[in-house]
Amino acid sequence: MDNEVREVSPEELEKDLDGAQKYNIVDVRETEEVETGMIPGAKHLSLGTLPEHVEGFNKEEEYVMVCRSGRRSHNACLFLQEHGIKAYNLQSGMLDWTGEKVF
């Protein structure tokens, strides 16, 4: 698999939340960061714990990885892709998220 990470725009992800949800959203920020709010329906797995949870990802599903600015989630995508998991990065992370930031 190549090192290219595809991105999903905040607008595209927000539209996905309004319909038949295509993506599983995983927030890789630290606990204190997610306490300020998460994208509705997102699951929290901090980046450092991703290796111990990789077996729980379904290779038949698609995931959008989220962090504050998009850098950590980009790294999470690379890691998941190495394990055959379809992962996309939320472009600019929570900094550009325009939707509701609540649990």
PDB file of N, CA and C in Angstrom:
ATOM      1  N   MET A   1       0.845  -1.186   0.000  1.00  0.00           N
ATOM      2  CA  MET A   1       0.000   0.000   0.000  1.00  0.00           C
ATOM      3  C   MET A   1       0.881   1.237   0.000  1.00  0.00           C
ATOM      4  N   ASP A   2       0.469   2.272  -0.723  1.00  0.00           N
ATOM      5  CA  ASP A   2       1.286   3.486  -0.798  1.00  0.00           C
ATOM      6  C   ASP A   2       1.093   4.360   0.442  1.00  0.00           C
ATOM      7  N   ASN A   3       1.882   5.429   0.512  1.00  0.00           N
ATOM      8  CA  ASN A   3       1.830   6.315   1.676  1.00  0.00           C
ATOM      9  C   ASN A   3       0.873   7.478   1.487  1.00  0.00           C
ATOM     10  N   GLU A   4       0.055   7.424   0.448  1.00  0.00           N
ATOM     11  CA  GLU A   4      -0.898   8.498   0.208  1.00  0.00           C
ATOM     12  C   GLU A   4      -2.110   8.323   1.113  1.00  0.00           C
ATOM     13  N   VAL A   5      -2.501   9.413   1.734  1.00  0.00           N
ATOM     14  CA  VAL A   5      -3.677   9.393   2.601  1.00  0.00           C
ATOM     15  C   VAL A   5      -4.747  10.266   1.963  1.00  0.00           C
ATOM     16  N   ARG A   6      -5.888   9.672   1.715  1.00  0.00           N
ATOM     17  CA  ARG A   6      -7.000  10.459   1.164  1.00  0.00           C
ATOM     18  C   ARG A   6      -7.660  11.234   2.286  1.00  0.00           C
ATOM     19  N   GLU A   7      -8.161  12.405   1.945  1.00  0.00           N
ATOM     20  CA  GLU A   7      -8.799  13.260   2.941  1.00  0.00           C
ATOM     21  C   GLU A   7     -10.283  13.404   2.660  1.00  0.00           C
ATOM     22  N   VAL A   8     -11.015  13.641   3.728  1.00  0.00           N
ATOM     23  CA  VAL A   8     -12.441  13.938   3.666  1.00  0.00           C
ATOM     24  C   VAL A   8     -12.588  15.356   4.195  1.00  0.00           C
ATOM     25  N   SER A   9     -13.339  16.191   3.491  1.00  0.00           N
ATOM     26  CA  SER A   9     -13.538  17.568   3.949  1.00  0.00           C
ATOM     27  C   SER A   9     -14.547  17.584   5.094  1.00  0.00           C
ATOM     28  N   PRO A  10     -14.487  18.612   5.945  1.00  0.00           N
ATOM     29  CA  PRO A  10     -15.489  18.721   7.006  1.00  0.00           C
ATOM     30  C   PRO A  10     -16.914  18.727   6.445  1.00  0.00           C
ATOM     31  N   GLU A  11     -17.099  19.372   5.298  1.00  0.00           N
ATOM     32  CA  GLU A  11     -18.429  19.444   4.686  1.00  0.00           C
ATOM     33  C   GLU A  11     -18.912  18.064   4.242  1.00  0.00           C
ATOM     34  N   GLU A  12     -18.014  17.300   3.642  1.00  0.00           N
ATOM     35  CA  GLU A  12     -18.366  15.944   3.206  1.00  0.00           C
ATOM     36  C   GLU A  12     -18.730  15.067   4.402  1.00  0.00           C
ATOM     37  N   LEU A  13     -17.961  15.182   5.475  1.00  0.00           N
ATOM     38  CA  LEU A  13     -18.243  14.377   6.660  1.00  0.00           C
ATOM     39  C   LEU A  13     -19.556  14.792   7.303  1.00  0.00           C
ATOM     40  N   GLU A  14     -19.820  16.087   7.336  1.00  0.00           N
ATOM     41  CA  GLU A  14     -21.074  16.559   7.923  1.00  0.00           C
ATOM     42  C   GLU A  14     -22.274  16.043   7.138  1.00  0.00           C
ATOM     43  N   LYS A  15     -22.174  16.021   5.812  1.00  0.00           N
ATOM     44  CA  LYS A  15     -23.251  15.470   4.973  1.00  0.00           C
ATOM     45  C   LYS A  15     -23.438  13.984   5.258  1.00  0.00           C
ATOM     46  N   ASP A  16     -22.338  13.279   5.487  1.00  0.00           N
ATOM     47  CA  ASP A  16     -22.392  11.849   5.786  1.00  0.00           C
ATOM     48  C   ASP A  16     -23.162  11.603   7.082  1.00  0.00           C
ATOM     49  N   LEU A  17     -23.005  12.497   8.050  1.00  0.00           N
ATOM     50  CA  LEU A  17     -23.692  12.347   9.330  1.00  0.00           C
ATOM     51  C   LEU A  17     -25.195  12.523   9.188  1.00  0.00           C
ATOM     52  N   ASP A  18     -25.614  13.244   8.147  1.00  0.00           N
ATOM     53  CA  ASP A  18     -27.033  13.502   7.934  1.00  0.00           C
ATOM     54  C   ASP A  18     -27.753  12.371   7.201  1.00  0.00           C
ATOM     55  N   GLY A  19     -26.984  11.476   6.591  1.00  0.00           N
ATOM     56  CA  GLY A  19     -27.612  10.422   5.794  1.00  0.00           C
ATOM     57  C   GLY A  19     -27.310   9.048   6.358  1.00  0.00           C
ATOM     58  N   ALA A  20     -27.285   8.077   5.459  1.00  0.00           N
ATOM     59  CA  ALA A  20     -26.907   6.715   5.854  1.00  0.00           C
ATOM     60  C   ALA A  20     -25.400   6.737   6.048  1.00  0.00           C
ATOM     61  N   GLN A  21     -24.969   6.713   7.267  1.00  0.00           N
ATOM     62  CA  GLN A  21     -23.563   6.945   7.584  1.00  0.00           C
ATOM     63  C   GLN A  21     -22.647   5.913   6.939  1.00  0.00           C
ATOM     64  N   LYS A  22     -21.729   6.412   6.135  1.00  0.00           N
ATOM     65  CA  LYS A  22     -20.782   5.587   5.402  1.00  0.00           C
ATOM     66  C   LYS A  22     -19.507   5.345   6.227  1.00  0.00           C
ATOM     67  N   TYR A  23     -19.130   6.349   7.011  1.00  0.00           N
ATOM     68  CA  TYR A  23     -17.853   6.297   7.723  1.00  0.00           C
ATOM     69  C   TYR A  23     -18.015   5.999   9.213  1.00  0.00           C
ATOM     70  N   ASN A  24     -17.015   5.354   9.774  1.00  0.00           N
ATOM     71  CA  ASN A  24     -16.848   5.227  11.211  1.00  0.00           C
ATOM     72  C   ASN A  24     -15.847   6.318  11.581  1.00  0.00           C
ATOM     73  N   ILE A  25     -16.167   7.129  12.550  1.00  0.00           N
ATOM     74  CA  ILE A  25     -15.302   8.253  12.916  1.00  0.00           C
ATOM     75  C   ILE A  25     -14.531   7.891  14.177  1.00  0.00           C
ATOM     76  N   VAL A  26     -13.206   8.054  14.112  1.00  0.00           N
ATOM     77  CA  VAL A  26     -12.345   7.759  15.252  1.00  0.00           C
ATOM     78  C   VAL A  26     -11.529   9.012  15.569  1.00  0.00           C
ATOM     79  N   ASP A  27     -11.690   9.504  16.780  1.00  0.00           N
ATOM     80  CA  ASP A  27     -10.982  10.696  17.255  1.00  0.00           C
ATOM     81  C   ASP A  27      -9.725  10.231  17.978  1.00  0.00           C
ATOM     82  N   VAL A  28      -8.551  10.608  17.473  1.00  0.00           N
ATOM     83  CA  VAL A  28      -7.284  10.139  18.035  1.00  0.00           C
ATOM     84  C   VAL A  28      -6.621  11.165  18.958  1.00  0.00           C
ATOM     85  N   ARG A  29      -7.374  12.191  19.361  1.00  0.00           N
ATOM     86  CA  ARG A  29      -6.817  13.175  20.285  1.00  0.00           C
ATOM     87  C   ARG A  29      -6.708  12.573  21.684  1.00  0.00           C
ATOM     88  N   GLU A  30      -6.027  13.285  22.562  1.00  0.00           N
ATOM     89  CA  GLU A  30      -5.892  12.856  23.949  1.00  0.00           C
ATOM     90  C   GLU A  30      -7.199  13.105  24.705  1.00  0.00           C
ATOM     91  N   THR A  31      -7.364  12.438  25.828  1.00  0.00           N
ATOM     92  CA  THR A  31      -8.594  12.515  26.614  1.00  0.00           C
ATOM     93  C   THR A  31      -8.974  13.947  26.963  1.00  0.00           C
ATOM     94  N   GLU A  32      -8.006  14.738  27.420  1.00  0.00           N
ATOM     95  CA  GLU A  32      -8.320  16.119  27.795  1.00  0.00           C
ATOM     96  C   GLU A  32      -8.772  16.952  26.597  1.00  0.00           C
ATOM     97  N   GLU A  33      -8.350  16.598  25.402  1.00  0.00           N
ATOM     98  CA  GLU A  33      -8.783  17.312  24.198  1.00  0.00           C
ATOM     99  C   GLU A  33     -10.227  16.970  23.838  1.00  0.00           C
ATOM    100  N   VAL A  34     -10.587  15.696  23.925  1.00  0.00           N
ATOM    101  CA  VAL A  34     -11.942  15.308  23.542  1.00  0.00           C
ATOM    102  C   VAL A  34     -12.974  15.778  24.556  1.00  0.00           C
ATOM    103  N   GLU A  35     -12.537  16.129  25.762  1.00  0.00           N
ATOM    104  CA  GLU A  35     -13.463  16.643  26.769  1.00  0.00           C
ATOM    105  C   GLU A  35     -14.083  17.969  26.341  1.00  0.00           C
ATOM    106  N   THR A  36     -13.463  18.652  25.392  1.00  0.00           N
ATOM    107  CA  THR A  36     -14.018  19.910  24.880  1.00  0.00           C
ATOM    108  C   THR A  36     -15.088  19.653  23.828  1.00  0.00           C
ATOM    109  N   GLY A  37     -15.235  18.403  23.395  1.00  0.00           N
ATOM    110  CA  GLY A  37     -16.258  18.048  22.422  1.00  0.00           C
ATOM    111  C   GLY A  37     -15.722  17.179  21.311  1.00  0.00           C
ATOM    112  N   MET A  38     -16.614  16.370  20.782  1.00  0.00           N
ATOM    113  CA  MET A  38     -16.273  15.467  19.687  1.00  0.00           C
ATOM    114  C   MET A  38     -17.347  15.545  18.613  1.00  0.00           C
ATOM    115  N   ILE A  39     -17.022  15.061  17.446  1.00  0.00           N
ATOM    116  CA  ILE A  39     -17.999  14.956  16.368  1.00  0.00           C
ATOM    117  C   ILE A  39     -19.030  13.912  16.795  1.00  0.00           C
ATOM    118  N   PRO A  40     -20.316  14.203  16.627  1.00  0.00           N
ATOM    119  CA  PRO A  40     -21.354  13.238  17.019  1.00  0.00           C
ATOM    120  C   PRO A  40     -21.110  11.860  16.396  1.00  0.00           C
ATOM    121  N   GLY A  41     -21.177  10.836  17.218  1.00  0.00           N
ATOM    122  CA  GLY A  41     -20.996   9.467  16.752  1.00  0.00           C
ATOM    123  C   GLY A  41     -19.560   8.988  16.716  1.00  0.00           C
ATOM    124  N   ALA A  42     -18.605   9.877  16.993  1.00  0.00           N
ATOM    125  CA  ALA A  42     -17.193   9.480  16.952  1.00  0.00           C
ATOM    126  C   ALA A  42     -16.848   8.602  18.149  1.00  0.00           C
ATOM    127  N   LYS A  43     -15.891   7.719  17.929  1.00  0.00           N
ATOM    128  CA  LYS A  43     -15.323   6.898  18.995  1.00  0.00           C
ATOM    129  C   LYS A  43     -13.961   7.501  19.348  1.00  0.00           C
ATOM    130  N   HIS A  44     -13.581   7.414  20.616  1.00  0.00           N
ATOM    131  CA  HIS A  44     -12.292   7.957  21.035  1.00  0.00           C
ATOM    132  C   HIS A  44     -11.272   6.849  21.252  1.00  0.00           C
ATOM    133  N   LEU A  45     -10.159   6.938  20.527  1.00  0.00           N
ATOM    134  CA  LEU A  45      -8.994   6.072  20.724  1.00  0.00           C
ATOM    135  C   LEU A  45      -7.776   6.963  20.542  1.00  0.00           C
ATOM    136  N   SER A  46      -7.104   7.315  21.608  1.00  0.00           N
ATOM    137  CA  SER A  46      -5.948   8.200  21.449  1.00  0.00           C
ATOM    138  C   SER A  46      -4.900   7.526  20.561  1.00  0.00           C
ATOM    139  N   LEU A  47      -4.145   8.332  19.852  1.00  0.00           N
ATOM    140  CA  LEU A  47      -3.189   7.828  18.873  1.00  0.00           C
ATOM    141  C   LEU A  47      -2.255   6.784  19.472  1.00  0.00           C
ATOM    142  N   GLY A  48      -1.783   7.015  20.693  1.00  0.00           N
ATOM    143  CA  GLY A  48      -0.855   6.088  21.324  1.00  0.00           C
ATOM    144  C   GLY A  48      -1.435   4.709  21.603  1.00  0.00           C
ATOM    145  N   THR A  49      -2.754   4.609  21.658  1.00  0.00           N
ATOM    146  CA  THR A  49      -3.382   3.305  21.946  1.00  0.00           C
ATOM    147  C   THR A  49      -3.826   2.582  20.671  1.00  0.00           C
ATOM    148  N   LEU A  50      -3.654   3.207  19.537  1.00  0.00           N
ATOM    149  CA  LEU A  50      -4.116   2.612  18.280  1.00  0.00           C
ATOM    150  C   LEU A  50      -3.542   1.209  18.021  1.00  0.00           C
ATOM    151  N   PRO A  51      -2.232   0.981  18.222  1.00  0.00           N
ATOM    152  CA  PRO A  51      -1.702  -0.363  17.944  1.00  0.00           C
ATOM    153  C   PRO A  51      -2.388  -1.470  18.743  1.00  0.00           C
ATOM    154  N   GLU A  52      -2.766  -1.196  19.972  1.00  0.00           N
ATOM    155  CA  GLU A  52      -3.403  -2.255  20.763  1.00  0.00           C
ATOM    156  C   GLU A  52      -4.867  -2.476  20.387  1.00  0.00           C
ATOM    157  N   HIS A  53      -5.433  -1.588  19.574  1.00  0.00           N
ATOM    158  CA  HIS A  53      -6.834  -1.721  19.155  1.00  0.00           C
ATOM    159  C   HIS A  53      -6.996  -2.054  17.674  1.00  0.00           C
ATOM    160  N   VAL A  54      -5.896  -2.186  16.952  1.00  0.00           N
ATOM    161  CA  VAL A  54      -5.975  -2.349  15.496  1.00  0.00           C
ATOM    162  C   VAL A  54      -6.778  -3.583  15.096  1.00  0.00           C
ATOM    163  N   GLU A  55      -6.745  -4.630  15.890  1.00  0.00           N
ATOM    164  CA  GLU A  55      -7.492  -5.848  15.551  1.00  0.00           C
ATOM    165  C   GLU A  55      -9.006  -5.632  15.617  1.00  0.00           C
ATOM    166  N   GLY A  56      -9.445  -4.578  16.290  1.00  0.00           N
ATOM    167  CA  GLY A  56     -10.866  -4.294  16.406  1.00  0.00           C
ATOM    168  C   GLY A  56     -11.449  -3.556  15.211  1.00  0.00           C
ATOM    169  N   PHE A  57     -10.598  -3.139  14.273  1.00  0.00           N
ATOM    170  CA  PHE A  57     -11.066  -2.444  13.077  1.00  0.00           C
ATOM    171  C   PHE A  57     -11.509  -3.472  12.037  1.00  0.00           C
ATOM    172  N   ASN A  58     -12.632  -3.197  11.385  1.00  0.00           N
ATOM    173  CA  ASN A  58     -13.176  -4.079  10.361  1.00  0.00           C
ATOM    174  C   ASN A  58     -12.612  -3.664   9.001  1.00  0.00           C
ATOM    175  N   LYS A  59     -11.931  -4.563   8.329  1.00  0.00           N
ATOM    176  CA  LYS A  59     -11.309  -4.248   7.033  1.00  0.00           C
ATOM    177  C   LYS A  59     -12.331  -4.019   5.932  1.00  0.00           C
ATOM    178  N   GLU A  60     -13.591  -4.347   6.184  1.00  0.00           N
ATOM    179  CA  GLU A  60     -14.653  -4.135   5.199  1.00  0.00           C
ATOM    180  C   GLU A  60     -15.300  -2.757   5.347  1.00  0.00           C
ATOM    181  N   GLU A  61     -14.958  -2.036   6.390  1.00  0.00           N
ATOM    182  CA  GLU A  61     -15.562  -0.726   6.639  1.00  0.00           C
ATOM    183  C   GLU A  61     -14.561   0.398   6.373  1.00  0.00           C
ATOM    184  N   GLU A  62     -15.080   1.635   6.339  1.00  0.00           N
ATOM    185  CA  GLU A  62     -14.239   2.809   6.100  1.00  0.00           C
ATOM    186  C   GLU A  62     -14.235   3.690   7.340  1.00  0.00           C
ATOM    187  N   TYR A  63     -13.069   4.236   7.641  1.00  0.00           N
ATOM    188  CA  TYR A  63     -12.884   5.035   8.846  1.00  0.00           C
ATOM    189  C   TYR A  63     -12.373   6.423   8.493  1.00  0.00           C
ATOM    190  N   VAL A  64     -12.853   7.421   9.240  1.00  0.00           N
ATOM    191  CA  VAL A  64     -12.317   8.771   9.150  1.00  0.00           C
ATOM    192  C   VAL A  64     -11.633   9.050  10.479  1.00  0.00           C
ATOM    193  N   MET A  65     -10.359   9.383  10.390  1.00  0.00           N
ATOM    194  CA  MET A  65      -9.566   9.665  11.574  1.00  0.00           C
ATOM    195  C   MET A  65      -9.552  11.175  11.807  1.00  0.00           C
ATOM    196  N   VAL A  66      -9.691  11.578  13.085  1.00  0.00           N
ATOM    197  CA  VAL A  66      -9.832  12.990  13.452  1.00  0.00           C
ATOM    198  C   VAL A  66      -8.843  13.330  14.559  1.00  0.00           C
ATOM    199  N   CYS A  67      -8.234  14.513  14.447  1.00  0.00           N
ATOM    200  CA  CYS A  67      -7.442  15.076  15.551  1.00  0.00           C
ATOM    201  C   CYS A  67      -7.656  16.591  15.530  1.00  0.00           C
ATOM    202  N   ARG A  68      -6.803  17.328  16.192  1.00  0.00           N
ATOM    203  CA  ARG A  68      -6.998  18.777  16.260  1.00  0.00           C
ATOM    204  C   ARG A  68      -6.745  19.444  14.905  1.00  0.00           C
ATOM    205  N   SER A  69      -5.596  19.135  14.285  1.00  0.00           N
ATOM    206  CA  SER A  69      -5.237  19.844  13.053  1.00  0.00           C
ATOM    207  C   SER A  69      -5.091  18.950  11.826  1.00  0.00           C
ATOM    208  N   GLY A  70      -5.082  17.643  12.015  1.00  0.00           N
ATOM    209  CA  GLY A  70      -4.949  16.722  10.889  1.00  0.00           C
ATOM    210  C   GLY A  70      -3.617  16.001  10.831  1.00  0.00           C
ATOM    211  N   ARG A  71      -2.667  16.367  11.663  1.00  0.00           N
ATOM    212  CA  ARG A  71      -1.337  15.752  11.623  1.00  0.00           C
ATOM    213  C   ARG A  71      -1.330  14.364  12.284  1.00  0.00           C
ATOM    214  N   ARG A  72      -1.850  14.267  13.497  1.00  0.00           N
ATOM    215  CA  ARG A  72      -1.898  12.962  14.178  1.00  0.00           C
ATOM    216  C   ARG A  72      -2.826  12.001  13.452  1.00  0.00           C
ATOM    217  N   SER A  73      -3.952  12.512  12.973  1.00  0.00           N
ATOM    218  CA  SER A  73      -4.887  11.634  12.266  1.00  0.00           C
ATOM    219  C   SER A  73      -4.286  11.142  10.949  1.00  0.00           C
ATOM    220  N   HIS A  74      -3.438  11.947  10.323  1.00  0.00           N
ATOM    221  CA  HIS A  74      -2.722  11.515   9.118  1.00  0.00           C
ATOM    222  C   HIS A  74      -1.835  10.313   9.456  1.00  0.00           C
ATOM    223  N   ASN A  75      -1.099  10.426  10.566  1.00  0.00           N
ATOM    224  CA  ASN A  75      -0.251   9.312  11.001  1.00  0.00           C
ATOM    225  C   ASN A  75      -1.080   8.078  11.339  1.00  0.00           C
ATOM    226  N   ALA A  76      -2.245   8.284  11.949  1.00  0.00           N
ATOM    227  CA  ALA A  76      -3.140   7.164  12.257  1.00  0.00           C
ATOM    228  C   ALA A  76      -3.589   6.473  10.967  1.00  0.00           C
ATOM    229  N   CYS A  77      -3.890   7.255   9.951  1.00  0.00           N
ATOM    230  CA  CYS A  77      -4.296   6.690   8.661  1.00  0.00           C
ATOM    231  C   CYS A  77      -3.182   5.833   8.063  1.00  0.00           C
ATOM    232  N   LEU A  78      -1.958   6.344   8.096  1.00  0.00           N
ATOM    233  CA  LEU A  78      -0.831   5.571   7.563  1.00  0.00           C
ATOM    234  C   LEU A  78      -0.693   4.244   8.287  1.00  0.00           C
ATOM    235  N   PHE A  79      -0.804   4.266   9.606  1.00  0.00           N
ATOM    236  CA  PHE A  79      -0.705   3.051  10.413  1.00  0.00           C
ATOM    237  C   PHE A  79      -1.808   2.060  10.036  1.00  0.00           C
ATOM    238  N   LEU A  80      -3.041   2.548   9.951  1.00  0.00           N
ATOM    239  CA  LEU A  80      -4.159   1.653   9.628  1.00  0.00           C
ATOM    240  C   LEU A  80      -4.040   1.092   8.218  1.00  0.00           C
ATOM    241  N   GLN A  81      -3.605   1.924   7.279  1.00  0.00           N
ATOM    242  CA  GLN A  81      -3.438   1.458   5.904  1.00  0.00           C
ATOM    243  C   GLN A  81      -2.400   0.347   5.824  1.00  0.00           C
ATOM    244  N   GLU A  82      -1.356   0.434   6.645  1.00  0.00           N
ATOM    245  CA  GLU A  82      -0.344  -0.628   6.682  1.00  0.00           C
ATOM    246  C   GLU A  82      -0.953  -1.959   7.121  1.00  0.00           C
ATOM    247  N   HIS A  83      -2.073  -1.884   7.828  1.00  0.00           N
ATOM    248  CA  HIS A  83      -2.761  -3.086   8.300  1.00  0.00           C
ATOM    249  C   HIS A  83      -3.974  -3.428   7.434  1.00  0.00           C
ATOM    250  N   GLY A  84      -4.063  -2.824   6.250  1.00  0.00           N
ATOM    251  CA  GLY A  84      -5.124  -3.158   5.310  1.00  0.00           C
ATOM    252  C   GLY A  84      -6.480  -2.555   5.631  1.00  0.00           C
ATOM    253  N   ILE A  85      -6.487  -1.478   6.412  1.00  0.00           N
ATOM    254  CA  ILE A  85      -7.739  -0.844   6.822  1.00  0.00           C
ATOM    255  C   ILE A  85      -7.932   0.447   6.031  1.00  0.00           C
ATOM    256  N   LYS A  86      -9.144   0.653   5.521  1.00  0.00           N
ATOM    257  CA  LYS A  86      -9.456   1.864   4.748  1.00  0.00           C
ATOM    258  C   LYS A  86      -9.660   3.042   5.699  1.00  0.00           C
ATOM    259  N   ALA A  87      -8.721   3.973   5.673  1.00  0.00           N
ATOM    260  CA  ALA A  87      -8.786   5.113   6.587  1.00  0.00           C
ATOM    261  C   ALA A  87      -8.574   6.414   5.816  1.00  0.00           C
ATOM    262  N   TYR A  88      -9.363   7.403   6.177  1.00  0.00           N
ATOM    263  CA  TYR A  88      -9.301   8.728   5.558  1.00  0.00           C
ATOM    264  C   TYR A  88      -9.044   9.749   6.656  1.00  0.00           C
ATOM    265  N   ASN A  89      -8.387  10.823   6.290  1.00  0.00           N
ATOM    266  CA  ASN A  89      -8.059  11.880   7.241  1.00  0.00           C
ATOM    267  C   ASN A  89      -9.069  13.015   7.127  1.00  0.00           C
ATOM    268  N   LEU A  90      -9.565  13.513   8.278  1.00  0.00           N
ATOM    269  CA  LEU A  90     -10.422  14.693   8.242  1.00  0.00           C
ATOM    270  C   LEU A  90      -9.540  15.901   7.980  1.00  0.00           C
ATOM    271  N   GLN A  91      -9.741  16.516   6.844  1.00  0.00           N
ATOM    272  CA  GLN A  91      -8.947  17.666   6.412  1.00  0.00           C
ATOM    273  C   GLN A  91      -8.971  18.776   7.467  1.00  0.00           C
ATOM    274  N   SER A  92      -7.818  19.185   7.926  1.00  0.00           N
ATOM    275  CA  SER A  92      -7.633  20.256   8.922  1.00  0.00           C
ATOM    276  C   SER A  92      -8.220  19.926  10.289  1.00  0.00           C
ATOM    277  N   GLY A  93      -8.641  18.709  10.501  1.00  0.00           N
ATOM    278  CA  GLY A  93      -9.104  18.259  11.812  1.00  0.00           C
ATOM    279  C   GLY A  93     -10.214  19.096  12.421  1.00  0.00           C
ATOM    280  N   MET A  94     -10.231  19.118  13.743  1.00  0.00           N
ATOM    281  CA  MET A  94     -11.280  19.838  14.469  1.00  0.00           C
ATOM    282  C   MET A  94     -11.170  21.351  14.296  1.00  0.00           C
ATOM    283  N   LEU A  95     -10.006  21.838  13.850  1.00  0.00           N
ATOM    284  CA  LEU A  95      -9.854  23.276  13.645  1.00  0.00           C
ATOM    285  C   LEU A  95     -10.845  23.807  12.611  1.00  0.00           C
ATOM    286  N   ASP A  96     -11.150  22.978  11.601  1.00  0.00           N
ATOM    287  CA  ASP A  96     -12.070  23.408  10.543  1.00  0.00           C
ATOM    288  C   ASP A  96     -13.438  22.750  10.635  1.00  0.00           C
ATOM    289  N   TRP A  97     -13.667  21.955  11.688  1.00  0.00           N
ATOM    290  CA  TRP A  97     -14.967  21.297  11.817  1.00  0.00           C
ATOM    291  C   TRP A  97     -16.030  22.363  12.055  1.00  0.00           C
ATOM    292  N   THR A  98     -17.038  22.397  11.191  1.00  0.00           N
ATOM    293  CA  THR A  98     -18.079  23.418  11.280  1.00  0.00           C
ATOM    294  C   THR A  98     -19.339  22.894  11.940  1.00  0.00           C
ATOM    295  N   GLY A  99     -19.418  21.582  12.092  1.00  0.00           N
ATOM    296  CA  GLY A  99     -20.617  20.991  12.689  1.00  0.00           C
ATOM    297  C   GLY A  99     -20.636  21.170  14.197  1.00  0.00           C
ATOM    298  N   GLU A 100     -21.627  20.582  14.799  1.00  0.00           N
ATOM    299  CA  GLU A 100     -21.803  20.639  16.241  1.00  0.00           C
ATOM    300  C   GLU A 100     -20.657  19.892  16.934  1.00  0.00           C
ATOM    301  N   LYS A 101     -20.065  20.487  17.952  1.00  0.00           N
ATOM    302  CA  LYS A 101     -18.950  19.854  18.657  1.00  0.00           C
ATOM    303  C   LYS A 101     -19.417  19.380  20.027  1.00  0.00           C
ATOM    304  N   VAL A 102     -20.321  18.442  20.029  1.00  0.00           N
ATOM    305  CA  VAL A 102     -20.832  17.913  21.285  1.00  0.00           C
ATOM    306  C   VAL A 102     -20.741  16.401  21.267  1.00  0.00           C
ATOM    307  N   PHE A 103     -20.863  15.792  22.428  1.00  0.00           N
ATOM    308  CA  PHE A 103     -20.819  14.331  22.511  1.00  0.00           C
ATOM    309  C   PHE A 103     -22.089  13.745  21.982  1.00  0.00           C
TER     310      PHE A 103
END
